Amino acid sequence: MGKPVRIHKKKSFMFTTRHYSFMSIAGILIGIICAIIGVTLVIYSYKNAGNVGINYGSIGMFSLILSIIGAIFGTVSLGERDIYRSAAIGAIALNGFIILAWLILIVLAILAA
């Protein structure tokens, strides 16, 4: 029996250029802003027993449209190469939850009227 062969580790490194996509970060920030707007409007409306002006409804609809844009940003950023997908999926999930919450509030308002 001969001397055992020693296995050498590979001395080359592969560096990746993975990064967080700008659009996914923007989608997350849009989602956070829309969540703050939504919670603020719901609390204010609850404190005033639903007697708020039409401008608060328009702010809510703007928040809904903004969260749709944030979900689109997250979806578009999934198509990019060499990015961290967790940020894009987080942007889609956060904005999707906000869109669903706004749609539920709109349907409840229509049914209550």
N, C-alpha and C. Protein backbone atom coordinates (compact mmCIF):
# COMPACT_ATOMS: atom_id res chain seq x y z
N MET A 1 0.82 -1.16 0.00
CA MET A 1 0.00 0.00 0.00
C MET A 1 0.87 1.24 0.00
N GLY A 2 0.51 2.14 -0.87
CA GLY A 2 1.28 3.35 -1.00
C GLY A 2 0.80 4.45 -0.04
N LYS A 3 1.44 5.52 -0.18
CA LYS A 3 1.11 6.69 0.63
C LYS A 3 -0.25 7.23 0.20
N PRO A 4 -1.18 7.60 1.15
CA PRO A 4 -2.49 8.12 0.75
C PRO A 4 -2.36 9.45 -0.01
N VAL A 5 -3.21 9.59 -0.99
CA VAL A 5 -3.19 10.80 -1.81
C VAL A 5 -3.96 11.89 -1.08
N ARG A 6 -3.35 13.02 -0.94
CA ARG A 6 -3.99 14.14 -0.26
C ARG A 6 -4.78 14.96 -1.28
N ILE A 7 -6.04 15.21 -0.96
CA ILE A 7 -6.91 15.97 -1.86
C ILE A 7 -6.77 17.45 -1.50
N HIS A 8 -6.40 18.23 -2.48
CA HIS A 8 -6.21 19.66 -2.26
C HIS A 8 -7.51 20.39 -2.56
N LYS A 9 -7.75 21.42 -1.76
CA LYS A 9 -8.92 22.26 -2.03
C LYS A 9 -8.64 23.14 -3.23
N LYS A 10 -9.70 23.47 -3.91
CA LYS A 10 -9.59 24.36 -5.04
C LYS A 10 -9.26 25.76 -4.54
N LYS A 11 -8.29 26.39 -5.14
CA LYS A 11 -7.85 27.69 -4.65
C LYS A 11 -8.46 28.85 -5.42
N SER A 12 -9.41 28.57 -6.27
CA SER A 12 -10.03 29.67 -7.01
C SER A 12 -11.39 30.00 -6.35
N PHE A 13 -11.74 31.24 -6.42
CA PHE A 13 -12.98 31.71 -5.84
C PHE A 13 -13.86 32.26 -6.95
N MET A 14 -15.15 32.06 -6.78
CA MET A 14 -16.09 32.62 -7.74
C MET A 14 -16.89 33.70 -7.03
N PHE A 15 -16.69 34.91 -7.45
CA PHE A 15 -17.43 36.02 -6.86
C PHE A 15 -18.68 36.26 -7.69
N THR A 16 -19.76 36.52 -7.00
CA THR A 16 -21.02 36.76 -7.69
C THR A 16 -21.33 38.25 -7.66
N THR A 17 -22.13 38.67 -8.58
CA THR A 17 -22.53 40.07 -8.64
C THR A 17 -23.97 40.22 -8.21
N ARG A 18 -24.45 39.30 -7.36
CA ARG A 18 -25.83 39.41 -6.89
C ARG A 18 -26.00 40.67 -6.07
N HIS A 19 -27.12 41.30 -6.26
CA HIS A 19 -27.41 42.54 -5.55
C HIS A 19 -28.92 42.65 -5.35
N TYR A 20 -29.31 43.60 -4.52
CA TYR A 20 -30.72 43.88 -4.34
C TYR A 20 -31.17 44.81 -5.45
N SER A 21 -32.24 44.44 -6.10
CA SER A 21 -32.73 45.23 -7.21
C SER A 21 -33.31 46.55 -6.70
N PHE A 22 -33.08 47.62 -7.46
CA PHE A 22 -33.63 48.92 -7.10
C PHE A 22 -35.15 48.88 -7.09
N MET A 23 -35.72 48.18 -8.06
CA MET A 23 -37.18 48.16 -8.16
C MET A 23 -37.81 47.38 -7.00
N SER A 24 -37.15 46.33 -6.54
CA SER A 24 -37.72 45.59 -5.41
C SER A 24 -37.62 46.40 -4.12
N ILE A 25 -36.53 47.13 -3.94
CA ILE A 25 -36.41 47.99 -2.77
C ILE A 25 -37.45 49.11 -2.84
N ALA A 26 -37.65 49.67 -4.02
CA ALA A 26 -38.68 50.71 -4.19
C ALA A 26 -40.07 50.13 -3.91
N GLY A 27 -40.32 48.89 -4.34
CA GLY A 27 -41.60 48.25 -4.07
C GLY A 27 -41.84 48.04 -2.58
N ILE A 28 -40.79 47.67 -1.85
CA ILE A 28 -40.92 47.50 -0.40
C ILE A 28 -41.20 48.85 0.27
N LEU A 29 -40.48 49.88 -0.13
CA LEU A 29 -40.70 51.21 0.45
C LEU A 29 -42.10 51.73 0.14
N ILE A 30 -42.58 51.50 -1.07
CA ILE A 30 -43.94 51.90 -1.43
C ILE A 30 -44.94 51.14 -0.57
N GLY A 31 -44.71 49.85 -0.35
CA GLY A 31 -45.60 49.06 0.49
C GLY A 31 -45.64 49.56 1.92
N ILE A 32 -44.49 49.92 2.47
CA ILE A 32 -44.45 50.44 3.85
C ILE A 32 -45.19 51.77 3.94
N ILE A 33 -44.99 52.64 2.96
CA ILE A 33 -45.69 53.93 2.95
C ILE A 33 -47.20 53.72 2.85
N CYS A 34 -47.63 52.80 1.99
CA CYS A 34 -49.06 52.54 1.83
C CYS A 34 -49.66 51.93 3.09
N ALA A 35 -48.89 51.08 3.78
CA ALA A 35 -49.39 50.49 5.02
C ALA A 35 -49.57 51.57 6.09
N ILE A 36 -48.62 52.49 6.19
CA ILE A 36 -48.74 53.58 7.16
C ILE A 36 -49.94 54.47 6.84
N ILE A 37 -50.12 54.78 5.55
CA ILE A 37 -51.26 55.59 5.14
C ILE A 37 -52.57 54.88 5.47
N GLY A 38 -52.64 53.60 5.16
CA GLY A 38 -53.88 52.84 5.40
C GLY A 38 -54.22 52.74 6.87
N VAL A 39 -53.24 52.44 7.70
CA VAL A 39 -53.51 52.34 9.14
C VAL A 39 -53.91 53.69 9.70
N THR A 40 -53.25 54.76 9.26
CA THR A 40 -53.60 56.10 9.73
C THR A 40 -55.02 56.47 9.35
N LEU A 41 -55.41 56.19 8.11
CA LEU A 41 -56.77 56.53 7.67
C LEU A 41 -57.83 55.72 8.40
N VAL A 42 -57.56 54.44 8.63
CA VAL A 42 -58.54 53.61 9.34
C VAL A 42 -58.68 54.07 10.79
N ILE A 43 -57.59 54.39 11.45
CA ILE A 43 -57.65 54.86 12.85
C ILE A 43 -58.38 56.19 12.92
N TYR A 44 -58.08 57.10 12.00
CA TYR A 44 -58.74 58.41 12.01
C TYR A 44 -60.24 58.26 11.74
N SER A 45 -60.59 57.40 10.81
CA SER A 45 -62.00 57.17 10.51
C SER A 45 -62.72 56.51 11.69
N TYR A 46 -62.05 55.62 12.38
CA TYR A 46 -62.65 54.97 13.55
C TYR A 46 -62.89 55.97 14.68
N LYS A 47 -61.92 56.87 14.90
CA LYS A 47 -62.07 57.86 15.96
C LYS A 47 -63.21 58.83 15.68
N ASN A 48 -63.48 59.11 14.40
CA ASN A 48 -64.55 60.04 14.03
C ASN A 48 -65.84 59.32 13.66
N ALA A 49 -65.95 58.06 13.99
CA ALA A 49 -67.15 57.24 13.74
C ALA A 49 -67.53 57.23 12.27
N GLY A 50 -66.56 57.25 11.40
CA GLY A 50 -66.82 57.16 9.96
C GLY A 50 -67.16 58.48 9.30
N ASN A 51 -67.19 59.56 10.03
CA ASN A 51 -67.52 60.87 9.48
C ASN A 51 -66.25 61.61 9.08
N VAL A 52 -65.72 61.24 7.94
CA VAL A 52 -64.53 61.90 7.41
C VAL A 52 -64.86 62.44 6.03
N GLY A 53 -64.07 63.38 5.58
CA GLY A 53 -64.32 64.00 4.29
C GLY A 53 -63.93 63.10 3.12
N ILE A 54 -64.31 63.56 1.94
CA ILE A 54 -64.04 62.79 0.74
C ILE A 54 -62.54 62.77 0.43
N ASN A 55 -61.81 63.76 0.93
CA ASN A 55 -60.38 63.79 0.66
C ASN A 55 -59.66 62.60 1.31
N TYR A 56 -60.17 62.07 2.41
CA TYR A 56 -59.55 60.89 3.02
C TYR A 56 -59.79 59.66 2.16
N GLY A 57 -60.94 59.59 1.52
CA GLY A 57 -61.20 58.49 0.58
C GLY A 57 -60.29 58.57 -0.63
N SER A 58 -60.03 59.78 -1.10
CA SER A 58 -59.15 59.93 -2.26
C SER A 58 -57.71 59.57 -1.89
N ILE A 59 -57.30 59.87 -0.66
CA ILE A 59 -55.97 59.47 -0.21
C ILE A 59 -55.90 57.94 -0.15
N GLY A 60 -56.97 57.29 0.30
CA GLY A 60 -57.01 55.83 0.34
C GLY A 60 -56.94 55.22 -1.05
N MET A 61 -57.65 55.79 -2.01
CA MET A 61 -57.60 55.28 -3.38
C MET A 61 -56.22 55.50 -3.99
N PHE A 62 -55.60 56.62 -3.67
CA PHE A 62 -54.23 56.87 -4.14
C PHE A 62 -53.28 55.82 -3.55
N SER A 63 -53.50 55.47 -2.29
CA SER A 63 -52.68 54.44 -1.65
C SER A 63 -52.89 53.08 -2.33
N LEU A 64 -54.11 52.79 -2.73
CA LEU A 64 -54.40 51.54 -3.45
C LEU A 64 -53.66 51.51 -4.79
N ILE A 65 -53.73 52.60 -5.53
CA ILE A 65 -53.04 52.67 -6.82
C ILE A 65 -51.52 52.58 -6.64
N LEU A 66 -51.02 53.22 -5.58
CA LEU A 66 -49.59 53.19 -5.30
C LEU A 66 -49.13 51.78 -4.94
N SER A 67 -49.95 51.02 -4.22
CA SER A 67 -49.56 49.66 -3.88
C SER A 67 -49.63 48.73 -5.10
N ILE A 68 -50.52 49.02 -6.04
CA ILE A 68 -50.53 48.27 -7.31
C ILE A 68 -49.22 48.52 -8.05
N ILE A 69 -48.76 49.77 -8.05
CA ILE A 69 -47.49 50.09 -8.69
C ILE A 69 -46.34 49.37 -7.97
N GLY A 70 -46.39 49.30 -6.65
CA GLY A 70 -45.36 48.60 -5.89
C GLY A 70 -45.32 47.11 -6.21
N ALA A 71 -46.51 46.50 -6.39
CA ALA A 71 -46.56 45.09 -6.77
C ALA A 71 -45.99 44.88 -8.17
N ILE A 72 -46.24 45.82 -9.07
CA ILE A 72 -45.69 45.73 -10.42
C ILE A 72 -44.17 45.85 -10.36
N PHE A 73 -43.66 46.75 -9.52
CA PHE A 73 -42.20 46.88 -9.36
C PHE A 73 -41.59 45.57 -8.90
N GLY A 74 -42.22 44.91 -7.93
CA GLY A 74 -41.71 43.63 -7.44
C GLY A 74 -41.74 42.56 -8.51
N THR A 75 -42.80 42.54 -9.31
CA THR A 75 -42.91 41.55 -10.37
C THR A 75 -41.87 41.77 -11.46
N VAL A 76 -41.66 43.03 -11.82
CA VAL A 76 -40.67 43.34 -12.85
C VAL A 76 -39.26 43.00 -12.35
N SER A 77 -39.00 43.23 -11.07
CA SER A 77 -37.66 42.96 -10.56
C SER A 77 -37.37 41.47 -10.48
N LEU A 78 -38.39 40.62 -10.47
CA LEU A 78 -38.15 39.17 -10.50
C LEU A 78 -37.53 38.73 -11.82
N GLY A 79 -37.74 39.50 -12.88
CA GLY A 79 -37.19 39.15 -14.18
C GLY A 79 -35.73 39.53 -14.36
N GLU A 80 -35.18 40.28 -13.44
CA GLU A 80 -33.78 40.70 -13.57
C GLU A 80 -32.85 39.54 -13.21
N ARG A 81 -31.63 39.61 -13.72
CA ARG A 81 -30.65 38.56 -13.45
C ARG A 81 -29.78 38.93 -12.27
N ASP A 82 -29.29 37.94 -11.57
CA ASP A 82 -28.34 38.08 -10.47
C ASP A 82 -28.82 39.03 -9.38
N ILE A 83 -30.05 38.83 -8.92
CA ILE A 83 -30.56 39.62 -7.82
C ILE A 83 -30.98 38.68 -6.70
N TYR A 84 -31.11 39.24 -5.51
CA TYR A 84 -31.68 38.50 -4.41
C TYR A 84 -33.20 38.51 -4.56
N ARG A 85 -33.78 37.36 -4.70
CA ARG A 85 -35.20 37.26 -4.98
C ARG A 85 -36.07 37.52 -3.75
N SER A 86 -35.49 37.42 -2.56
CA SER A 86 -36.30 37.58 -1.35
C SER A 86 -36.89 38.99 -1.25
N ALA A 87 -36.15 40.00 -1.67
CA ALA A 87 -36.66 41.37 -1.63
C ALA A 87 -37.81 41.54 -2.62
N ALA A 88 -37.69 40.96 -3.79
CA ALA A 88 -38.76 41.08 -4.79
C ALA A 88 -40.02 40.35 -4.32
N ILE A 89 -39.84 39.17 -3.74
CA ILE A 89 -41.00 38.41 -3.24
C ILE A 89 -41.63 39.14 -2.07
N GLY A 90 -40.80 39.75 -1.21
CA GLY A 90 -41.33 40.54 -0.10
C GLY A 90 -42.13 41.74 -0.58
N ALA A 91 -41.67 42.40 -1.63
CA ALA A 91 -42.40 43.54 -2.18
C ALA A 91 -43.74 43.11 -2.75
N ILE A 92 -43.75 41.99 -3.46
CA ILE A 92 -45.01 41.49 -4.01
C ILE A 92 -45.97 41.09 -2.91
N ALA A 93 -45.47 40.41 -1.89
CA ALA A 93 -46.34 39.95 -0.80
C ALA A 93 -46.90 41.13 0.00
N LEU A 94 -46.06 42.09 0.33
CA LEU A 94 -46.51 43.24 1.11
C LEU A 94 -47.55 44.05 0.36
N ASN A 95 -47.27 44.36 -0.89
CA ASN A 95 -48.22 45.15 -1.68
C ASN A 95 -49.48 44.35 -2.00
N GLY A 96 -49.34 43.04 -2.21
CA GLY A 96 -50.52 42.22 -2.43
C GLY A 96 -51.43 42.18 -1.22
N PHE A 97 -50.84 42.12 -0.02
CA PHE A 97 -51.64 42.15 1.20
C PHE A 97 -52.37 43.48 1.35
N ILE A 98 -51.69 44.57 1.03
CA ILE A 98 -52.31 45.90 1.13
C ILE A 98 -53.44 46.05 0.12
N ILE A 99 -53.22 45.57 -1.10
CA ILE A 99 -54.29 45.61 -2.12
C ILE A 99 -55.49 44.81 -1.66
N LEU A 100 -55.25 43.62 -1.12
CA LEU A 100 -56.35 42.79 -0.63
C LEU A 100 -57.09 43.47 0.51
N ALA A 101 -56.37 44.10 1.44
CA ALA A 101 -57.00 44.79 2.56
C ALA A 101 -57.87 45.95 2.08
N TRP A 102 -57.36 46.73 1.11
CA TRP A 102 -58.14 47.84 0.59
C TRP A 102 -59.39 47.35 -0.14
N LEU A 103 -59.24 46.27 -0.91
CA LEU A 103 -60.41 45.74 -1.62
C LEU A 103 -61.46 45.21 -0.65
N ILE A 104 -61.03 44.59 0.44
CA ILE A 104 -61.98 44.12 1.45
C ILE A 104 -62.68 45.30 2.10
N LEU A 105 -61.95 46.37 2.41
CA LEU A 105 -62.57 47.57 2.98
C LEU A 105 -63.57 48.20 2.02
N ILE A 106 -63.26 48.23 0.75
CA ILE A 106 -64.17 48.81 -0.24
C ILE A 106 -65.44 47.96 -0.34
N VAL A 107 -65.28 46.63 -0.39
CA VAL A 107 -66.46 45.77 -0.47
C VAL A 107 -67.31 45.89 0.79
N LEU A 108 -66.69 45.95 1.97
CA LEU A 108 -67.45 46.12 3.21
C LEU A 108 -68.19 47.45 3.23
N ALA A 109 -67.57 48.50 2.70
CA ALA A 109 -68.23 49.80 2.64
C ALA A 109 -69.43 49.78 1.70
N ILE A 110 -69.30 49.05 0.58
CA ILE A 110 -70.41 48.96 -0.35
C ILE A 110 -71.56 48.16 0.25
N LEU A 111 -71.24 47.07 0.93
CA LEU A 111 -72.28 46.24 1.52
C LEU A 111 -72.95 46.90 2.72
N ALA A 112 -72.23 47.78 3.42
CA ALA A 112 -72.79 48.45 4.60
C ALA A 112 -73.71 49.61 4.21
N ALA A 113 -73.57 50.11 3.00
CA ALA A 113 -74.36 51.27 2.58
C ALA A 113 -75.76 50.92 2.22
